[in-house]
Amino acid sequence: MLIDDFGRVVENIRISVTQRCNFKCFYCHREGVNSASYDEMLPDEIERIVKVAASLGIRGVKLTGGEPFLRNDILEIVSRISGIPGIDDVSMTTNGFLLGDYADDLKRAGLTRVNVSLDTLNAEKFRLITGVDGHEFVIRGIIKASEANLRPVKVNMVILKGINENEVDDMIRFAGRNGLVLQIIEFEWPRVDAIYERYHVDIKDIEDGIRKRSSKVVVRSMHHRRKYLMEDGTEVEVVRPMHNSEFCLHCNRIRLTPDGKLKPCLFRNDDLVDILGPLRSGASDDYLKRLFIEAVKRRKPYFST
């Protein structure tokens, strides 16, 4: 079991398999990766790292990007990870543009569930946010994922000031009609600057409105985030990570960058641990385990820095 110096058990690893993306979302934080390197881990390298992680008690894997579907070996990656003893949850975060073409194959490869970024149901606003056309392809991908039983299908809606605050009710209805879980996410950014000031909005009022209309509130163990069950059964989760001490205090994940660095915190890059370099140089599994343990020791809640 991996436990950091603040008593937090690390049970999940979030693996960014690529920095490449077919969208140009203006608010993208690139999973906290600011390296210019486009070196990417091979499927067998990812598999070995996850095997080491599983031997240390990690049970869940989230594949992210960039956009995971820009890797033509993404199905192989999913298949290799899902077959590792001890890994019982393999999920993915995607922009959904290509999801419709992959949904059935992903299920067969062992993917458990999927998160799809969709901030708006308005095609014009979608183009403004992502820099591309293709709103209808994302909607299609979401529906196909649900039909393929990649459940729960979660829709991630980042609230952006002046753009989509007034669409929350429409998104809740969309989620309800299609059996989805809606995640309302407060805009996060690694620093307070012009972008943050322009687009960040405190979503407390939005959450209060959802709470008043809900029939039940469940506090999830992961980050202690709250899930609201609406009268019609629709599930709405609220994610408020930015400078949120409770979110940090209950964080149970570690990250792996596309070029093979263990990353203890989304918002820090001064504490990375290179695991791919030693792996490619012939390091033993015991040595790789020590690198995981070192990375976990470097974990420090962001709010305490």
Protein backbone atom coordinates (compact mmCIF):
# COMPACT_ATOMS: atom_id res chain seq x y z
CA MET A 1 0.00 0.00 0.00
CA LEU A 2 1.22 3.49 -0.90
CA ILE A 3 0.65 6.13 1.78
CA ASP A 4 2.12 9.62 1.65
CA ASP A 5 3.42 11.67 4.56
CA PHE A 6 -0.02 13.26 5.00
CA GLY A 7 -1.76 9.91 5.52
CA ARG A 8 -3.33 9.81 2.06
CA VAL A 9 -3.57 6.36 0.49
CA VAL A 10 -2.72 6.33 -3.23
CA GLU A 11 -5.11 3.95 -5.00
CA ASN A 12 -5.30 5.37 -8.53
CA ILE A 13 -2.94 6.38 -11.28
CA ARG A 14 -3.85 8.88 -13.98
CA ILE A 15 -1.82 8.20 -17.14
CA SER A 16 -1.50 10.82 -19.85
CA VAL A 17 -0.73 8.71 -22.92
CA THR A 18 -0.10 11.66 -25.25
CA GLN A 19 0.12 15.45 -25.35
CA ARG A 20 -1.33 15.51 -28.85
CA CYS A 21 -4.91 16.74 -29.23
CA ASN A 22 -7.29 17.47 -32.09
CA PHE A 23 -9.00 20.24 -30.10
CA LYS A 24 -7.66 23.66 -29.11
CA CYS A 25 -9.56 24.36 -25.89
CA PHE A 26 -8.39 27.71 -24.60
CA TYR A 27 -8.59 26.64 -20.96
CA CYS A 28 -6.68 23.35 -21.25
CA HIS A 29 -4.14 22.82 -18.46
CA ARG A 30 -2.52 19.88 -20.32
CA GLU A 31 -2.76 17.69 -17.22
CA GLY A 32 -0.16 19.98 -15.69
CA VAL A 33 2.47 18.91 -18.22
CA ASN A 34 4.54 21.85 -19.44
CA SER A 35 7.34 19.84 -21.05
CA ALA A 36 7.99 20.33 -24.76
CA SER A 37 8.89 16.63 -25.08
CA TYR A 38 6.62 14.56 -27.31
CA ASP A 39 8.25 11.28 -26.42
CA GLU A 40 5.48 8.77 -25.68
CA MET A 41 5.58 5.54 -23.73
CA LEU A 42 5.06 2.32 -25.67
CA PRO A 43 2.15 0.00 -24.76
CA ASP A 44 4.45 -2.58 -23.14
CA GLU A 45 6.15 0.17 -21.13
CA ILE A 46 2.81 1.45 -19.86
CA GLU A 47 1.82 -2.13 -19.02
CA ARG A 48 4.96 -2.73 -17.00
CA ILE A 49 4.62 0.51 -15.05
CA VAL A 50 0.99 -0.33 -14.22
CA LYS A 51 2.02 -3.84 -13.13
CA VAL A 52 4.46 -2.27 -10.69
CA ALA A 53 1.76 0.14 -9.52
CA ALA A 54 -0.70 -2.73 -9.00
CA SER A 55 1.87 -4.62 -6.92
CA LEU A 56 1.92 -1.59 -4.60
CA GLY A 57 -1.85 -1.48 -4.15
CA ILE A 58 -3.03 0.77 -6.97
CA ARG A 59 -6.36 -0.54 -8.28
CA GLY A 60 -7.65 2.09 -10.72
CA VAL A 61 -6.21 3.50 -13.94
CA LYS A 62 -7.47 6.59 -15.78
CA LEU A 63 -6.16 7.15 -19.31
CA THR A 64 -6.01 10.79 -20.39
CA GLY A 65 -4.23 13.04 -22.86
CA GLY A 66 -4.07 15.23 -24.80
CA GLU A 67 -6.59 13.10 -26.62
CA PRO A 68 -6.09 9.34 -26.10
CA PHE A 69 -7.68 8.42 -29.44
CA LEU A 70 -4.87 10.12 -31.34
CA ARG A 71 -2.80 7.07 -30.43
CA ASN A 72 -3.47 4.33 -32.98
CA ASP A 73 -2.53 1.76 -30.33
CA ILE A 74 -5.02 2.92 -27.70
CA LEU A 75 -7.00 -0.33 -27.85
CA GLU A 76 -3.82 -2.31 -27.23
CA ILE A 77 -2.99 -0.08 -24.26
CA VAL A 78 -6.46 -0.62 -22.76
CA SER A 79 -6.28 -4.37 -23.35
CA ARG A 80 -2.84 -4.70 -21.74
CA ILE A 81 -3.85 -2.69 -18.66
CA SER A 82 -7.22 -4.37 -18.15
CA GLY A 83 -5.52 -7.77 -18.05
CA ILE A 84 -3.21 -6.89 -15.14
CA PRO A 85 -4.11 -8.73 -11.90
CA GLY A 86 -5.26 -6.29 -9.23
CA ILE A 87 -6.47 -3.60 -11.64
CA ASP A 88 -10.24 -3.54 -11.34
CA ASP A 89 -11.12 -0.21 -12.94
CA VAL A 90 -9.81 1.12 -16.26
CA SER A 91 -11.40 4.38 -17.38
CA MET A 92 -10.67 7.14 -19.87
CA THR A 93 -11.15 10.88 -20.24
CA THR A 94 -11.68 12.00 -23.84
CA ASN A 95 -13.01 14.93 -25.83
CA GLY A 96 -15.39 12.41 -27.43
CA PHE A 97 -14.80 13.39 -31.05
CA LEU A 98 -13.69 9.86 -32.05
CA LEU A 99 -15.41 7.97 -29.24
CA GLY A 100 -18.30 6.78 -31.40
CA ASP A 101 -15.90 4.87 -33.64
CA TYR A 102 -14.20 3.15 -30.68
CA ALA A 103 -16.90 2.58 -28.05
CA ASP A 104 -17.71 -1.07 -28.77
CA ASP A 105 -14.06 -2.06 -29.23
CA LEU A 106 -13.10 -0.27 -26.01
CA LYS A 107 -15.66 -2.26 -24.07
CA ARG A 108 -14.33 -5.50 -25.53
CA ALA A 109 -10.75 -4.42 -24.70
CA GLY A 110 -11.68 -4.01 -21.05
CA LEU A 111 -12.46 -0.32 -20.56
CA THR A 112 -14.83 0.06 -17.65
CA ARG A 113 -16.20 3.58 -18.05
CA VAL A 114 -15.56 6.91 -19.74
CA ASN A 115 -15.56 10.65 -19.03
CA VAL A 116 -16.34 12.97 -21.94
CA SER A 117 -15.62 16.69 -21.94
CA LEU A 118 -18.66 18.66 -23.09
CA ASP A 119 -19.09 22.20 -21.80
CA THR A 120 -22.05 23.23 -23.91
CA LEU A 121 -24.94 21.94 -26.00
CA ASN A 122 -24.62 24.95 -28.28
CA ALA A 123 -22.61 24.29 -31.44
CA GLU A 124 -21.41 27.89 -31.75
CA LYS A 125 -20.19 28.00 -28.15
CA PHE A 126 -18.58 24.60 -28.67
CA ARG A 127 -16.57 26.03 -31.56
CA LEU A 128 -15.58 29.03 -29.43
CA ILE A 129 -14.31 26.80 -26.61
CA THR A 130 -12.63 24.02 -28.61
CA GLY A 131 -11.54 25.88 -31.73
CA VAL A 132 -13.06 23.20 -33.98
CA ASP A 133 -16.37 22.06 -35.42
CA GLY A 134 -17.65 18.67 -34.41
CA HIS A 135 -20.22 19.15 -31.66
CA GLU A 136 -22.44 16.50 -33.26
CA PHE A 137 -19.61 13.93 -33.23
CA VAL A 138 -19.11 14.38 -29.48
CA ILE A 139 -22.84 13.92 -28.84
CA ARG A 140 -22.77 10.80 -31.00
CA GLY A 141 -19.76 9.49 -29.07
CA ILE A 142 -21.51 9.98 -25.75
CA ILE A 143 -24.60 8.09 -26.94
CA LYS A 144 -22.50 5.27 -28.43
CA ALA A 145 -20.51 4.92 -25.20
CA SER A 146 -23.74 4.59 -23.25
CA GLU A 147 -25.06 1.99 -25.70
CA ALA A 148 -21.76 0.07 -25.40
CA ASN A 149 -22.31 -0.06 -21.61
CA LEU A 150 -19.22 1.97 -20.75
CA ARG A 151 -21.03 3.01 -17.62
CA PRO A 152 -21.22 5.30 -15.96
CA VAL A 153 -20.72 7.70 -18.85
CA LYS A 154 -19.76 10.96 -17.19
CA VAL A 155 -20.02 14.30 -18.95
CA ASN A 156 -17.51 16.88 -17.69
CA MET A 157 -18.85 20.43 -17.87
CA VAL A 158 -16.34 23.12 -16.94
CA ILE A 159 -18.16 26.30 -15.93
CA LEU A 160 -16.76 29.29 -17.80
CA LYS A 161 -17.77 32.82 -16.85
CA GLY A 162 -19.68 34.60 -19.57
CA ILE A 163 -20.03 31.48 -21.70
CA ASN A 164 -22.02 28.62 -20.21
CA GLU A 165 -23.17 29.40 -16.65
CA ASN A 166 -26.76 29.52 -17.88
CA GLU A 167 -26.65 26.06 -19.45
CA VAL A 168 -26.51 23.96 -16.30
CA ASP A 169 -30.22 23.11 -16.32
CA ASP A 170 -30.06 22.12 -20.00
CA MET A 171 -27.07 19.88 -19.29
CA ILE A 172 -28.87 18.23 -16.37
CA ARG A 173 -31.83 17.46 -18.63
CA PHE A 174 -29.48 16.13 -21.34
CA ALA A 175 -27.82 13.85 -18.78
CA GLY A 176 -31.18 12.64 -17.50
CA ARG A 177 -32.51 11.81 -20.96
CA ASN A 178 -29.46 9.74 -21.80
CA GLY A 179 -28.67 8.06 -18.49
CA LEU A 180 -25.46 10.02 -17.93
CA VAL A 181 -23.73 11.42 -14.85
CA LEU A 182 -23.10 15.15 -15.12
CA GLN A 183 -19.96 16.56 -13.50
CA ILE A 184 -20.09 20.30 -12.90
CA ILE A 185 -16.45 21.41 -12.64
CA GLU A 186 -15.13 24.73 -11.37
CA PHE A 187 -12.61 26.16 -13.82
CA GLU A 188 -9.09 25.45 -12.57
CA TRP A 189 -5.89 27.07 -13.68
CA PRO A 190 -2.34 26.76 -12.30
CA ARG A 191 -2.07 30.46 -11.55
CA VAL A 192 -4.18 33.56 -11.05
CA ASP A 193 -3.71 35.55 -14.25
CA ALA A 194 -5.77 37.20 -16.99
CA ILE A 195 -7.23 33.88 -18.18
CA TYR A 196 -8.21 32.89 -14.67
CA GLU A 197 -9.76 36.28 -13.93
CA ARG A 198 -11.69 36.27 -17.19
CA TYR A 199 -13.20 32.79 -17.03
CA HIS A 200 -13.22 31.64 -13.42
CA VAL A 201 -16.48 31.79 -11.53
CA ASP A 202 -17.14 30.47 -8.04
CA ILE A 203 -19.75 27.75 -8.58
CA LYS A 204 -21.07 27.86 -5.01
CA ASP A 205 -24.36 29.43 -6.12
CA ILE A 206 -24.77 26.82 -8.86
CA GLU A 207 -24.12 24.04 -6.34
CA ASP A 208 -26.56 25.57 -3.86
CA GLY A 209 -29.26 25.61 -6.55
CA ILE A 210 -28.63 21.96 -7.41
CA ARG A 211 -28.66 21.00 -3.74
CA LYS A 212 -32.05 22.63 -3.16
CA ARG A 213 -33.58 20.69 -6.06
CA SER A 214 -31.98 17.35 -5.21
CA SER A 215 -33.62 14.49 -3.35
CA LYS A 216 -30.43 13.08 -1.85
CA VAL A 217 -26.81 14.11 -1.30
CA VAL A 218 -23.97 11.56 -1.27
CA VAL A 219 -20.41 12.46 -0.27
CA ARG A 220 -17.98 10.37 -2.30
CA SER A 221 -14.80 9.08 -0.69
CA MET A 222 -12.69 10.38 -3.59
CA HIS A 223 -11.86 14.01 -2.76
CA HIS A 224 -15.06 14.13 -0.66
CA ARG A 225 -16.85 15.50 -3.70
CA ARG A 226 -20.62 15.70 -3.49
CA LYS A 227 -23.07 13.84 -5.69
CA TYR A 228 -26.62 15.15 -5.93
CA LEU A 229 -29.46 12.82 -6.91
CA MET A 230 -32.23 14.75 -8.63
CA GLU A 231 -35.91 13.86 -8.33
CA ASP A 232 -35.86 12.05 -11.70
CA GLY A 233 -32.78 10.00 -10.73
CA THR A 234 -30.22 12.08 -12.64
CA GLU A 235 -26.84 12.16 -10.89
CA VAL A 236 -24.94 15.45 -10.71
CA GLU A 237 -21.47 15.68 -9.18
CA VAL A 238 -19.78 18.95 -8.25
CA VAL A 239 -15.99 19.25 -8.50
CA ARG A 240 -14.27 22.25 -6.91
CA PRO A 241 -10.54 21.51 -6.92
CA MET A 242 -8.97 24.95 -7.21
CA HIS A 243 -7.45 25.94 -3.84
CA ASN A 244 -9.88 23.47 -2.25
CA SER A 245 -8.19 22.07 0.86
CA GLU A 246 -10.79 19.30 1.22
CA PHE A 247 -10.21 18.19 -2.38
CA CYS A 248 -6.45 18.02 -1.82
CA LEU A 249 -6.75 16.44 1.59
CA HIS A 250 -8.54 13.41 0.17
CA CYS A 251 -6.64 13.09 -3.11
CA ASN A 252 -5.87 9.41 -3.79
CA ARG A 253 -4.14 9.59 -7.17
CA ILE A 254 -0.73 9.96 -8.69
CA ARG A 255 -0.06 10.95 -12.30
CA LEU A 256 2.17 9.66 -15.07
CA THR A 257 3.20 12.05 -17.85
CA PRO A 258 3.37 10.98 -21.53
CA ASP A 259 7.18 10.88 -21.36
CA GLY A 260 7.20 8.66 -18.30
CA LYS A 261 7.53 10.95 -15.28
CA LEU A 262 5.64 10.20 -12.08
CA LYS A 263 3.88 13.45 -11.15
CA PRO A 264 2.72 13.77 -7.54
CA CYS A 265 0.55 16.89 -8.06
CA LEU A 266 -1.31 18.41 -11.01
CA PHE A 267 -0.10 21.93 -10.27
CA ARG A 268 3.58 21.21 -9.56
CA ASN A 269 6.46 20.24 -11.85
CA ASP A 270 9.37 20.53 -9.43
CA ASP A 271 8.82 17.11 -7.85
CA LEU A 272 8.70 14.74 -10.84
CA VAL A 273 10.27 11.29 -10.71
CA ASP A 274 11.52 9.77 -13.96
CA ILE A 275 10.44 6.13 -14.20
CA LEU A 276 10.61 5.59 -17.98
CA GLY A 277 14.34 6.36 -18.22
CA PRO A 278 15.35 3.70 -15.68
CA LEU A 279 12.86 1.24 -17.21
CA ARG A 280 14.43 1.67 -20.64
CA SER A 281 17.87 1.27 -19.07
CA GLY A 282 16.97 -2.15 -17.70
CA ALA A 283 15.93 -1.32 -14.13
CA SER A 284 14.41 -4.15 -12.09
CA ASP A 285 10.83 -4.13 -10.82
CA ASP A 286 12.14 -3.63 -7.29
CA TYR A 287 13.93 -0.46 -8.40
CA LEU A 288 10.80 0.79 -10.17
CA LYS A 289 8.83 0.17 -6.99
CA ARG A 290 11.29 2.36 -5.09
CA LEU A 291 10.68 5.13 -7.63
CA PHE A 292 6.93 4.91 -6.97
CA ILE A 293 7.56 5.08 -3.23
CA GLU A 294 9.81 8.12 -3.72
CA ALA A 295 7.16 9.87 -5.85
CA VAL A 296 4.50 9.24 -3.21
CA LYS A 297 6.80 10.63 -0.50
CA ARG A 298 7.00 13.83 -2.57
CA ARG A 299 3.23 14.27 -2.53
CA LYS A 300 2.20 17.42 -0.72
CA PRO A 301 -1.26 19.00 -0.66
CA TYR A 302 -1.29 21.96 -3.02
CA PHE A 303 -3.07 24.16 -0.51
CA SER A 304 -0.16 23.74 1.94
CA THR A 305 2.48 25.12 -0.46
